[in-house]
PDB file of N, CA and C in Angstrom:
ATOM      1  N   MET A   1      -8.150  -5.027  12.644  1.00  0.00           N
ATOM      2  CA  MET A   1      -7.593  -4.109  11.675  1.00  0.00           C
ATOM      3  C   MET A   1      -6.411  -4.795  10.992  1.00  0.00           C
ATOM      4  N   TYR A   2      -6.248  -4.532   9.702  1.00  0.00           N
ATOM      5  CA  TYR A   2      -5.169  -5.093   8.904  1.00  0.00           C
ATOM      6  C   TYR A   2      -4.624  -3.968   8.034  1.00  0.00           C
ATOM      7  N   VAL A   3      -3.310  -3.823   7.996  1.00  0.00           N
ATOM      8  CA  VAL A   3      -2.672  -2.694   7.309  1.00  0.00           C
ATOM      9  C   VAL A   3      -1.658  -3.207   6.301  1.00  0.00           C
ATOM     10  N   ILE A   4      -1.692  -2.640   5.120  1.00  0.00           N
ATOM     11  CA  ILE A   4      -0.678  -2.877   4.099  1.00  0.00           C
ATOM     12  C   ILE A   4       0.098  -1.575   3.944  1.00  0.00           C
ATOM     13  N   MET A   5       1.429  -1.652   4.101  1.00  0.00           N
ATOM     14  CA  MET A   5       2.279  -0.480   3.935  1.00  0.00           C
ATOM     15  C   MET A   5       3.363  -0.819   2.926  1.00  0.00           C
ATOM     16  N   SER A   6       3.507   0.021   1.925  1.00  0.00           N
ATOM     17  CA  SER A   6       4.525  -0.167   0.906  1.00  0.00           C
ATOM     18  C   SER A   6       5.418   1.063   0.872  1.00  0.00           C
ATOM     19  N   ILE A   7       6.720   0.830   0.953  1.00  0.00           N
ATOM     20  CA  ILE A   7       7.681   1.925   0.948  1.00  0.00           C
ATOM     21  C   ILE A   7       8.399   1.917  -0.406  1.00  0.00           C
ATOM     22  N   HIS A   8       8.296   3.036  -1.101  1.00  0.00           N
ATOM     23  CA  HIS A   8       8.841   3.180  -2.451  1.00  0.00           C
ATOM     24  C   HIS A   8       9.947   4.225  -2.443  1.00  0.00           C
ATOM     25  N   THR A   9      10.981   3.989  -3.245  1.00  0.00           N
ATOM     26  CA  THR A   9      12.066   4.950  -3.431  1.00  0.00           C
ATOM     27  C   THR A   9      12.176   5.216  -4.935  1.00  0.00           C
ATOM     28  N   PRO A  10      11.473   6.227  -5.414  1.00  0.00           N
ATOM     29  CA  PRO A  10      11.466   6.459  -6.860  1.00  0.00           C
ATOM     30  C   PRO A  10      12.730   7.171  -7.344  1.00  0.00           C
ATOM     31  N   HIS A  11      13.100   6.887  -8.592  1.00  0.00           N
ATOM     32  CA  HIS A  11      14.081   7.738  -9.261  1.00  0.00           C
ATOM     33  C   HIS A  11      13.408   9.106  -9.410  1.00  0.00           C
ATOM     34  N   PRO A  12      14.134  10.198  -9.189  1.00  0.00           N
ATOM     35  CA  PRO A  12      13.500  11.527  -9.219  1.00  0.00           C
ATOM     36  C   PRO A  12      12.691  11.800 -10.491  1.00  0.00           C
ATOM     37  N   GLU A  13      13.189  11.355 -11.627  1.00  0.00           N
ATOM     38  CA  GLU A  13      12.493  11.639 -12.886  1.00  0.00           C
ATOM     39  C   GLU A  13      11.217  10.809 -13.055  1.00  0.00           C
ATOM     40  N   HIS A  14      11.008   9.821 -12.191  1.00  0.00           N
ATOM     41  CA  HIS A  14       9.808   8.979 -12.282  1.00  0.00           C
ATOM     42  C   HIS A  14       8.873   9.144 -11.083  1.00  0.00           C
ATOM     43  N   ARG A  15       9.166  10.112 -10.234  1.00  0.00           N
ATOM     44  CA  ARG A  15       8.366  10.318  -9.025  1.00  0.00           C
ATOM     45  C   ARG A  15       6.892  10.549  -9.360  1.00  0.00           C
ATOM     46  N   ASP A  16       6.612  11.435 -10.311  1.00  0.00           N
ATOM     47  CA  ASP A  16       5.217  11.760 -10.636  1.00  0.00           C
ATOM     48  C   ASP A  16       4.461  10.538 -11.169  1.00  0.00           C
ATOM     49  N   ALA A  17       5.131   9.727 -11.985  1.00  0.00           N
ATOM     50  CA  ALA A  17       4.487   8.520 -12.506  1.00  0.00           C
ATOM     51  C   ALA A  17       4.172   7.549 -11.373  1.00  0.00           C
ATOM     52  N   LEU A  18       5.082   7.430 -10.416  1.00  0.00           N
ATOM     53  CA  LEU A  18       4.853   6.537  -9.285  1.00  0.00           C
ATOM     54  C   LEU A  18       3.729   7.050  -8.387  1.00  0.00           C
ATOM     55  N   VAL A  19       3.709   8.347  -8.138  1.00  0.00           N
ATOM     56  CA  VAL A  19       2.620   8.924  -7.337  1.00  0.00           C
ATOM     57  C   VAL A  19       1.279   8.671  -8.017  1.00  0.00           C
ATOM     58  N   ASP A  20       1.221   8.856  -9.331  1.00  0.00           N
ATOM     59  CA  ASP A  20      -0.018   8.589 -10.064  1.00  0.00           C
ATOM     60  C   ASP A  20      -0.430   7.127  -9.925  1.00  0.00           C
ATOM     61  N   SER A  21       0.531   6.224 -10.024  1.00  0.00           N
ATOM     62  CA  SER A  21       0.251   4.800  -9.866  1.00  0.00           C
ATOM     63  C   SER A  21      -0.310   4.505  -8.482  1.00  0.00           C
ATOM     64  N   MET A  22       0.302   5.092  -7.461  1.00  0.00           N
ATOM     65  CA  MET A  22      -0.155   4.859  -6.093  1.00  0.00           C
ATOM     66  C   MET A  22      -1.569   5.392  -5.894  1.00  0.00           C
ATOM     67  N   ARG A  23      -1.873   6.514  -6.504  1.00  0.00           N
ATOM     68  CA  ARG A  23      -3.230   7.073  -6.400  1.00  0.00           C
ATOM     69  C   ARG A  23      -4.249   6.163  -7.092  1.00  0.00           C
ATOM     70  N   ARG A  24      -3.889   5.625  -8.257  1.00  0.00           N
ATOM     71  CA  ARG A  24      -4.795   4.710  -8.957  1.00  0.00           C
ATOM     72  C   ARG A  24      -4.996   3.426  -8.162  1.00  0.00           C
ATOM     73  N   PHE A  25      -3.935   2.943  -7.524  1.00  0.00           N
ATOM     74  CA  PHE A  25      -4.011   1.754  -6.668  1.00  0.00           C
ATOM     75  C   PHE A  25      -5.075   1.976  -5.589  1.00  0.00           C
ATOM     76  N   GLY A  26      -5.003   3.113  -4.907  1.00  0.00           N
ATOM     77  CA  GLY A  26      -5.969   3.424  -3.854  1.00  0.00           C
ATOM     78  C   GLY A  26      -7.360   3.686  -4.382  1.00  0.00           C
ATOM     79  N   ALA A  27      -7.455   4.382  -5.509  1.00  0.00           N
ATOM     80  CA  ALA A  27      -8.766   4.719  -6.077  1.00  0.00           C
ATOM     81  C   ALA A  27      -9.546   3.473  -6.475  1.00  0.00           C
ATOM     82  N   ALA A  28      -8.836   2.420  -6.860  1.00  0.00           N
ATOM     83  CA  ALA A  28      -9.516   1.182  -7.255  1.00  0.00           C
ATOM     84  C   ALA A  28     -10.257   0.536  -6.084  1.00  0.00           C
ATOM     85  N   MET A  29      -9.825   0.829  -4.859  1.00  0.00           N
ATOM     86  CA  MET A  29     -10.463   0.253  -3.676  1.00  0.00           C
ATOM     87  C   MET A  29     -11.402   1.223  -2.977  1.00  0.00           C
ATOM     88  N   ALA A  30     -11.274   2.503  -3.280  1.00  0.00           N
ATOM     89  CA  ALA A  30     -12.042   3.541  -2.581  1.00  0.00           C
ATOM     90  C   ALA A  30     -13.539   3.278  -2.681  1.00  0.00           C
ATOM     91  N   GLY A  31     -14.209   3.460  -1.568  1.00  0.00           N
ATOM     92  CA  GLY A  31     -15.652   3.312  -1.519  1.00  0.00           C
ATOM     93  C   GLY A  31     -16.141   1.892  -1.311  1.00  0.00           C
ATOM     94  N   HIS A  32     -15.238   0.923  -1.321  1.00  0.00           N
ATOM     95  CA  HIS A  32     -15.641  -0.466  -1.112  1.00  0.00           C
ATOM     96  C   HIS A  32     -15.691  -0.793   0.374  1.00  0.00           C
ATOM     97  N   GLU A  33     -16.657  -1.597   0.726  1.00  0.00           N
ATOM     98  CA  GLU A  33     -16.796  -2.037   2.108  1.00  0.00           C
ATOM     99  C   GLU A  33     -15.537  -2.789   2.533  1.00  0.00           C
ATOM    100  N   GLY A  34     -15.066  -2.499   3.736  1.00  0.00           N
ATOM    101  CA  GLY A  34     -13.896  -3.160   4.281  1.00  0.00           C
ATOM    102  C   GLY A  34     -12.639  -2.312   4.254  1.00  0.00           C
ATOM    103  N   LEU A  35     -12.626  -1.270   3.415  1.00  0.00           N
ATOM    104  CA  LEU A  35     -11.487  -0.353   3.380  1.00  0.00           C
ATOM    105  C   LEU A  35     -11.768   0.803   4.325  1.00  0.00           C
ATOM    106  N   LEU A  36     -10.899   1.006   5.291  1.00  0.00           N
ATOM    107  CA  LEU A  36     -11.068   2.105   6.240  1.00  0.00           C
ATOM    108  C   LEU A  36     -10.387   3.375   5.756  1.00  0.00           C
ATOM    109  N   SER A  37      -9.208   3.221   5.128  1.00  0.00           N
ATOM    110  CA  SER A  37      -8.452   4.384   4.688  1.00  0.00           C
ATOM    111  C   SER A  37      -7.379   3.944   3.708  1.00  0.00           C
ATOM    112  N   VAL A  38      -7.069   4.815   2.767  1.00  0.00           N
ATOM    113  CA  VAL A  38      -5.941   4.569   1.863  1.00  0.00           C
ATOM    114  C   VAL A  38      -5.287   5.912   1.573  1.00  0.00           C
ATOM    115  N   SER A  39      -3.948   5.957   1.672  1.00  0.00           N
ATOM    116  CA  SER A  39      -3.215   7.211   1.524  1.00  0.00           C
ATOM    117  C   SER A  39      -1.897   6.986   0.806  1.00  0.00           C
ATOM    118  N   THR A  40      -1.447   8.029   0.122  1.00  0.00           N
ATOM    119  CA  THR A  40      -0.093   8.090  -0.421  1.00  0.00           C
ATOM    120  C   THR A  40       0.595   9.224   0.305  1.00  0.00           C
ATOM    121  N   MET A  41       1.743   8.928   0.904  1.00  0.00           N
ATOM    122  CA  MET A  41       2.442   9.908   1.728  1.00  0.00           C
ATOM    123  C   MET A  41       3.900  10.000   1.301  1.00  0.00           C
ATOM    124  N   GLN A  42       4.526  11.129   1.639  1.00  0.00           N
ATOM    125  CA  GLN A  42       5.955  11.277   1.405  1.00  0.00           C
ATOM    126  C   GLN A  42       6.655  11.505   2.731  1.00  0.00           C
ATOM    127  N   ASP A  43       7.782  10.819   2.900  1.00  0.00           N
ATOM    128  CA  ASP A  43       8.616  11.013   4.081  1.00  0.00           C
ATOM    129  C   ASP A  43       9.210  12.422   4.033  1.00  0.00           C
ATOM    130  N   GLU A  44       9.137  13.143   5.147  1.00  0.00           N
ATOM    131  CA  GLU A  44       9.654  14.513   5.203  1.00  0.00           C
ATOM    132  C   GLU A  44      11.164  14.590   4.991  1.00  0.00           C
ATOM    133  N   ALA A  45      11.880  13.555   5.381  1.00  0.00           N
ATOM    134  CA  ALA A  45      13.341  13.601   5.366  1.00  0.00           C
ATOM    135  C   ALA A  45      13.961  12.965   4.115  1.00  0.00           C
ATOM    136  N   SER A  46      13.143  12.432   3.219  1.00  0.00           N
ATOM    137  CA  SER A  46      13.703  11.765   2.043  1.00  0.00           C
ATOM    138  C   SER A  46      12.708  11.852   0.888  1.00  0.00           C
ATOM    139  N   ASP A  47      13.059  11.212  -0.212  1.00  0.00           N
ATOM    140  CA  ASP A  47      12.158  11.162  -1.353  1.00  0.00           C
ATOM    141  C   ASP A  47      11.285   9.917  -1.335  1.00  0.00           C
ATOM    142  N   ARG A  48      11.351   9.154  -0.249  1.00  0.00           N
ATOM    143  CA  ARG A  48      10.563   7.926  -0.178  1.00  0.00           C
ATOM    144  C   ARG A  48       9.072   8.238  -0.113  1.00  0.00           C
ATOM    145  N   LEU A  49       8.311   7.383  -0.777  1.00  0.00           N
ATOM    146  CA  LEU A  49       6.857   7.465  -0.765  1.00  0.00           C
ATOM    147  C   LEU A  49       6.317   6.259  -0.016  1.00  0.00           C
ATOM    148  N   VAL A  50       5.242   6.458   0.708  1.00  0.00           N
ATOM    149  CA  VAL A  50       4.645   5.377   1.483  1.00  0.00           C
ATOM    150  C   VAL A  50       3.172   5.254   1.105  1.00  0.00           C
ATOM    151  N   GLY A  51       2.813   4.052   0.712  1.00  0.00           N
ATOM    152  CA  GLY A  51       1.412   3.740   0.486  1.00  0.00           C
ATOM    153  C   GLY A  51       0.884   3.047   1.726  1.00  0.00           C
ATOM    154  N   LEU A  52      -0.236   3.525   2.225  1.00  0.00           N
ATOM    155  CA  LEU A  52      -0.801   2.993   3.461  1.00  0.00           C
ATOM    156  C   LEU A  52      -2.279   2.687   3.230  1.00  0.00           C
ATOM    157  N   ALA A  53      -2.630   1.417   3.345  1.00  0.00           N
ATOM    158  CA  ALA A  53      -4.028   1.002   3.199  1.00  0.00           C
ATOM    159  C   ALA A  53      -4.447   0.293   4.482  1.00  0.00           C
ATOM    160  N   ILE A  54      -5.537   0.762   5.075  1.00  0.00           N
ATOM    161  CA  ILE A  54      -6.029   0.212   6.330  1.00  0.00           C
ATOM    162  C   ILE A  54      -7.394  -0.435   6.066  1.00  0.00           C
ATOM    163  N   PHE A  55      -7.479  -1.696   6.432  1.00  0.00           N
ATOM    164  CA  PHE A  55      -8.675  -2.498   6.184  1.00  0.00           C
ATOM    165  C   PHE A  55      -9.307  -2.930   7.497  1.00  0.00           C
ATOM    166  N   GLU A  56     -10.595  -3.257   7.449  1.00  0.00           N
ATOM    167  CA  GLU A  56     -11.280  -3.776   8.627  1.00  0.00           C
ATOM    168  C   GLU A  56     -10.694  -5.112   9.059  1.00  0.00           C
ATOM    169  N   SER A  57     -10.252  -5.905   8.085  1.00  0.00           N
ATOM    170  CA  SER A  57      -9.757  -7.247   8.382  1.00  0.00           C
ATOM    171  C   SER A  57      -8.845  -7.724   7.256  1.00  0.00           C
ATOM    172  N   GLN A  58      -8.156  -8.817   7.503  1.00  0.00           N
ATOM    173  CA  GLN A  58      -7.336  -9.420   6.463  1.00  0.00           C
ATOM    174  C   GLN A  58      -8.226  -9.940   5.326  1.00  0.00           C
ATOM    175  N   ASP A  59      -9.390 -10.460   5.650  1.00  0.00           N
ATOM    176  CA  ASP A  59     -10.318 -10.924   4.623  1.00  0.00           C
ATOM    177  C   ASP A  59     -10.738  -9.771   3.704  1.00  0.00           C
ATOM    178  N   ALA A  60     -10.983  -8.593   4.271  1.00  0.00           N
ATOM    179  CA  ALA A  60     -11.335  -7.428   3.453  1.00  0.00           C
ATOM    180  C   ALA A  60     -10.180  -7.053   2.532  1.00  0.00           C
ATOM    181  N   ALA A  61      -8.965  -7.088   3.055  1.00  0.00           N
ATOM    182  CA  ALA A  61      -7.795  -6.795   2.227  1.00  0.00           C
ATOM    183  C   ALA A  61      -7.678  -7.803   1.094  1.00  0.00           C
ATOM    184  N   ASN A  62      -7.853  -9.075   1.405  1.00  0.00           N
ATOM    185  CA  ASN A  62      -7.753 -10.121   0.386  1.00  0.00           C
ATOM    186  C   ASN A  62      -8.798  -9.943  -0.714  1.00  0.00           C
ATOM    187  N   ALA A  63      -9.954  -9.402  -0.354  1.00  0.00           N
ATOM    188  CA  ALA A  63     -11.015  -9.180  -1.335  1.00  0.00           C
ATOM    189  C   ALA A  63     -10.742  -7.956  -2.207  1.00  0.00           C
ATOM    190  N   LEU A  64     -10.125  -6.923  -1.640  1.00  0.00           N
ATOM    191  CA  LEU A  64      -9.967  -5.651  -2.353  1.00  0.00           C
ATOM    192  C   LEU A  64      -8.627  -5.500  -3.074  1.00  0.00           C
ATOM    193  N   LEU A  65      -7.578  -6.096  -2.573  1.00  0.00           N
ATOM    194  CA  LEU A  65      -6.262  -5.908  -3.181  1.00  0.00           C
ATOM    195  C   LEU A  65      -6.188  -6.350  -4.652  1.00  0.00           C
ATOM    196  N   PRO A  66      -6.898  -7.394  -5.073  1.00  0.00           N
ATOM    197  CA  PRO A  66      -6.857  -7.716  -6.506  1.00  0.00           C
ATOM    198  C   PRO A  66      -7.363  -6.572  -7.399  1.00  0.00           C
ATOM    199  N   LEU A  67      -8.344  -5.809  -6.922  1.00  0.00           N
ATOM    200  CA  LEU A  67      -8.829  -4.649  -7.674  1.00  0.00           C
ATOM    201  C   LEU A  67      -7.725  -3.616  -7.837  1.00  0.00           C
ATOM    202  N   ALA A  68      -7.013  -3.358  -6.749  1.00  0.00           N
ATOM    203  CA  ALA A  68      -5.943  -2.361  -6.758  1.00  0.00           C
ATOM    204  C   ALA A  68      -4.782  -2.811  -7.632  1.00  0.00           C
ATOM    205  N   ARG A  69      -4.407  -4.070  -7.507  1.00  0.00           N
ATOM    206  CA  ARG A  69      -3.286  -4.581  -8.313  1.00  0.00           C
ATOM    207  C   ARG A  69      -3.615  -4.547  -9.800  1.00  0.00           C
ATOM    208  N   ALA A  70      -4.862  -4.831 -10.139  1.00  0.00           N
ATOM    209  CA  ALA A  70      -5.274  -4.785 -11.545  1.00  0.00           C
ATOM    210  C   ALA A  70      -5.157  -3.367 -12.104  1.00  0.00           C
ATOM    211  N   ALA A  71      -5.406  -2.367 -11.268  1.00  0.00           N
ATOM    212  CA  ALA A  71      -5.356  -0.972 -11.707  1.00  0.00           C
ATOM    213  C   ALA A  71      -3.945  -0.513 -12.053  1.00  0.00           C
ATOM    214  N   VAL A  72      -2.938  -1.213 -11.547  1.00  0.00           N
ATOM    215  CA  VAL A  72      -1.541  -0.816 -11.795  1.00  0.00           C
ATOM    216  C   VAL A  72      -0.745  -1.927 -12.477  1.00  0.00           C
ATOM    217  N   ALA A  73      -1.435  -2.903 -13.025  1.00  0.00           N
ATOM    218  CA  ALA A  73      -0.784  -4.097 -13.569  1.00  0.00           C
ATOM    219  C   ALA A  73       0.247  -3.784 -14.657  1.00  0.00           C
ATOM    220  N   GLY A  74       0.031  -2.781 -15.458  1.00  0.00           N
ATOM    221  CA  GLY A  74       0.963  -2.474 -16.542  1.00  0.00           C
ATOM    222  C   GLY A  74       2.024  -1.453 -16.198  1.00  0.00           C
ATOM    223  N   ASP A  75       2.067  -1.009 -14.953  1.00  0.00           N
ATOM    224  CA  ASP A  75       3.004   0.039 -14.554  1.00  0.00           C
ATOM    225  C   ASP A  75       4.441  -0.488 -14.486  1.00  0.00           C
ATOM    226  N   ASP A  76       5.394   0.378 -14.807  1.00  0.00           N
ATOM    227  CA  ASP A  76       6.799  -0.003 -14.958  1.00  0.00           C
ATOM    228  C   ASP A  76       7.596   0.260 -13.674  1.00  0.00           C
ATOM    229  N   PHE A  77       7.257  -0.455 -12.620  1.00  0.00           N
ATOM    230  CA  PHE A  77       7.932  -0.259 -11.336  1.00  0.00           C
ATOM    231  C   PHE A  77       9.430  -0.535 -11.435  1.00  0.00           C
ATOM    232  N   GLY A  78       9.823  -1.469 -12.294  1.00  0.00           N
ATOM    233  CA  GLY A  78      11.238  -1.791 -12.456  1.00  0.00           C
ATOM    234  C   GLY A  78      12.064  -0.602 -12.918  1.00  0.00           C
ATOM    235  N   THR A  79      11.456   0.264 -13.708  1.00  0.00           N
ATOM    236  CA  THR A  79      12.132   1.479 -14.182  1.00  0.00           C
ATOM    237  C   THR A  79      11.988   2.609 -13.175  1.00  0.00           C
ATOM    238  N   TRP A  80      10.825   2.716 -12.565  1.00  0.00           N
ATOM    239  CA  TRP A  80      10.539   3.849 -11.685  1.00  0.00           C
ATOM    240  C   TRP A  80      11.255   3.789 -10.351  1.00  0.00           C
ATOM    241  N   GLU A  81      11.476   2.587  -9.822  1.00  0.00           N
ATOM    242  CA  GLU A  81      11.992   2.424  -8.464  1.00  0.00           C
ATOM    243  C   GLU A  81      13.522   2.380  -8.441  1.00  0.00           C
ATOM    244  N   ALA A  82      14.118   3.132  -7.511  1.00  0.00           N
ATOM    245  CA  ALA A  82      15.564   3.102  -7.315  1.00  0.00           C
ATOM    246  C   ALA A  82      15.982   1.912  -6.449  1.00  0.00           C
ATOM    247  N   ARG A  83      15.064   1.413  -5.655  1.00  0.00           N
ATOM    248  CA  ARG A  83      15.277   0.253  -4.780  1.00  0.00           C
ATOM    249  C   ARG A  83      14.066  -0.651  -4.858  1.00  0.00           C
ATOM    250  N   GLU A  84      14.255  -1.864  -4.370  1.00  0.00           N
ATOM    251  CA  GLU A  84      13.133  -2.787  -4.298  1.00  0.00           C
ATOM    252  C   GLU A  84      12.079  -2.234  -3.341  1.00  0.00           C
ATOM    253  N   ILE A  85      10.813  -2.415  -3.690  1.00  0.00           N
ATOM    254  CA  ILE A  85       9.714  -1.963  -2.837  1.00  0.00           C
ATOM    255  C   ILE A  85       9.734  -2.771  -1.545  1.00  0.00           C
ATOM    256  N   GLU A  86       9.618  -2.071  -0.431  1.00  0.00           N
ATOM    257  CA  GLU A  86       9.514  -2.754   0.860  1.00  0.00           C
ATOM    258  C   GLU A  86       8.038  -2.808   1.235  1.00  0.00           C
ATOM    259  N   GLY A  87       7.514  -4.012   1.371  1.00  0.00           N
ATOM    260  CA  GLY A  87       6.109  -4.181   1.700  1.00  0.00           C
ATOM    261  C   GLY A  87       5.928  -4.799   3.069  1.00  0.00           C
ATOM    262  N   LEU A  88       5.013  -4.239   3.832  1.00  0.00           N
ATOM    263  CA  LEU A  88       4.704  -4.742   5.166  1.00  0.00           C
ATOM    264  C   LEU A  88       3.222  -5.071   5.247  1.00  0.00           C
ATOM    265  N   LYS A  89       2.909  -6.187   5.891  1.00  0.00           N
ATOM    266  CA  LYS A  89       1.532  -6.587   6.173  1.00  0.00           C
ATOM    267  C   LYS A  89       1.414  -6.615   7.686  1.00  0.00           C
ATOM    268  N   LEU A  90       0.633  -5.702   8.215  1.00  0.00           N
ATOM    269  CA  LEU A  90       0.610  -5.458   9.653  1.00  0.00           C
ATOM    270  C   LEU A  90      -0.727  -5.847  10.269  1.00  0.00           C
ATOM    271  N   ILE A  91      -0.650  -6.532  11.395  1.00  0.00           N
ATOM    272  CA  ILE A  91      -1.847  -6.854  12.155  1.00  0.00           C
ATOM    273  C   ILE A  91      -1.757  -6.159  13.511  1.00  0.00           C
ATOM    274  N   ASP A  92      -2.888  -5.826  14.056  1.00  0.00           N
ATOM    275  CA  ASP A  92      -2.971  -5.158  15.355  1.00  0.00           C
ATOM    276  C   ASP A  92      -2.923  -6.223  16.447  1.00  0.00           C
ATOM    277  N   ILE A  93      -1.786  -6.344  17.106  1.00  0.00           N
ATOM    278  CA  ILE A  93      -1.647  -7.366  18.144  1.00  0.00           C
ATOM    279  C   ILE A  93      -2.176  -6.894  19.497  1.00  0.00           C
ATOM    280  N   THR A  94      -2.642  -5.644  19.571  1.00  0.00           N
ATOM    281  CA  THR A  94      -3.263  -5.183  20.814  1.00  0.00           C
ATOM    282  C   THR A  94      -4.735  -5.552  20.871  1.00  0.00           C
ATOM    283  N   ASP A  95      -5.279  -5.981  19.739  1.00  0.00           N
ATOM    284  CA  ASP A  95      -6.670  -6.423  19.670  1.00  0.00           C
ATOM    285  C   ASP A  95      -6.784  -7.742  20.435  1.00  0.00           C
ATOM    286  N   PRO A  96      -7.659  -7.827  21.445  1.00  0.00           N
ATOM    287  CA  PRO A  96      -7.771  -9.051  22.236  1.00  0.00           C
ATOM    288  C   PRO A  96      -8.118 -10.283  21.405  1.00  0.00           C
ATOM    289  N   GLY A  97      -8.720 -10.086  20.241  1.00  0.00           N
ATOM    290  CA  GLY A  97      -9.077 -11.211  19.393  1.00  0.00           C
ATOM    291  C   GLY A  97      -7.927 -11.722  18.538  1.00  0.00           C
ATOM    292  N   ARG A  98      -6.809 -11.010  18.518  1.00  0.00           N
ATOM    293  CA  ARG A  98      -5.660 -11.409  17.706  1.00  0.00           C
ATOM    294  C   ARG A  98      -4.493 -11.732  18.625  1.00  0.00           C
ATOM    295  N   ARG A  99      -3.730 -12.699  18.239  1.00  0.00           N
ATOM    296  CA  ARG A  99      -2.539 -13.045  18.996  1.00  0.00           C
ATOM    297  C   ARG A  99      -1.318 -12.742  18.145  1.00  0.00           C
ATOM    298  N   PRO A 100      -0.218 -12.342  18.745  1.00  0.00           N
ATOM    299  CA  PRO A 100       0.999 -12.105  17.966  1.00  0.00           C
ATOM    300  C   PRO A 100       1.409 -13.364  17.212  1.00  0.00           C
ATOM    301  N   LEU A 101       1.993 -13.148  16.036  1.00  0.00           N
ATOM    302  CA  LEU A 101       2.490 -14.278  15.264  1.00  0.00           C
ATOM    303  C   LEU A 101       3.639 -14.925  16.009  1.00  0.00           C
ATOM    304  N   GLN A 102       3.662 -16.221  16.034  1.00  0.00           N
ATOM    305  CA  GLN A 102       4.723 -16.976  16.701  1.00  0.00           C
ATOM    306  C   GLN A 102       5.791 -17.341  15.690  1.00  0.00           C
ATOM    307  N   GLU A 103       7.042 -17.322  16.110  1.00  0.00           N
ATOM    308  CA  GLU A 103       8.133 -17.713  15.221  1.00  0.00           C
ATOM    309  C   GLU A 103       8.319 -19.214  15.262  1.00  0.00           C
TER     310      GLU A 103
END
């Protein structure tokens, strides 16, 4: 399993535009083999939005993410975001076939 998580902090007046962008990002990958789940979520305690995409593998993510990025290529994240986007690329280290990354 391979997970991409993006944490967004929108300016309040641009929240709806950012949510729409996140939905289009996910919709571009929906239905393709290798994508297990894609969601846009809001933190209960703040205005932060979280994009969560779960893939069968890193190879599946590498194949599908260009589709998603193309769907939002013209979006004005520089205006919409109050902070820099925090992006995480997560691997399941409990999987016996994967080993934790070494420093």
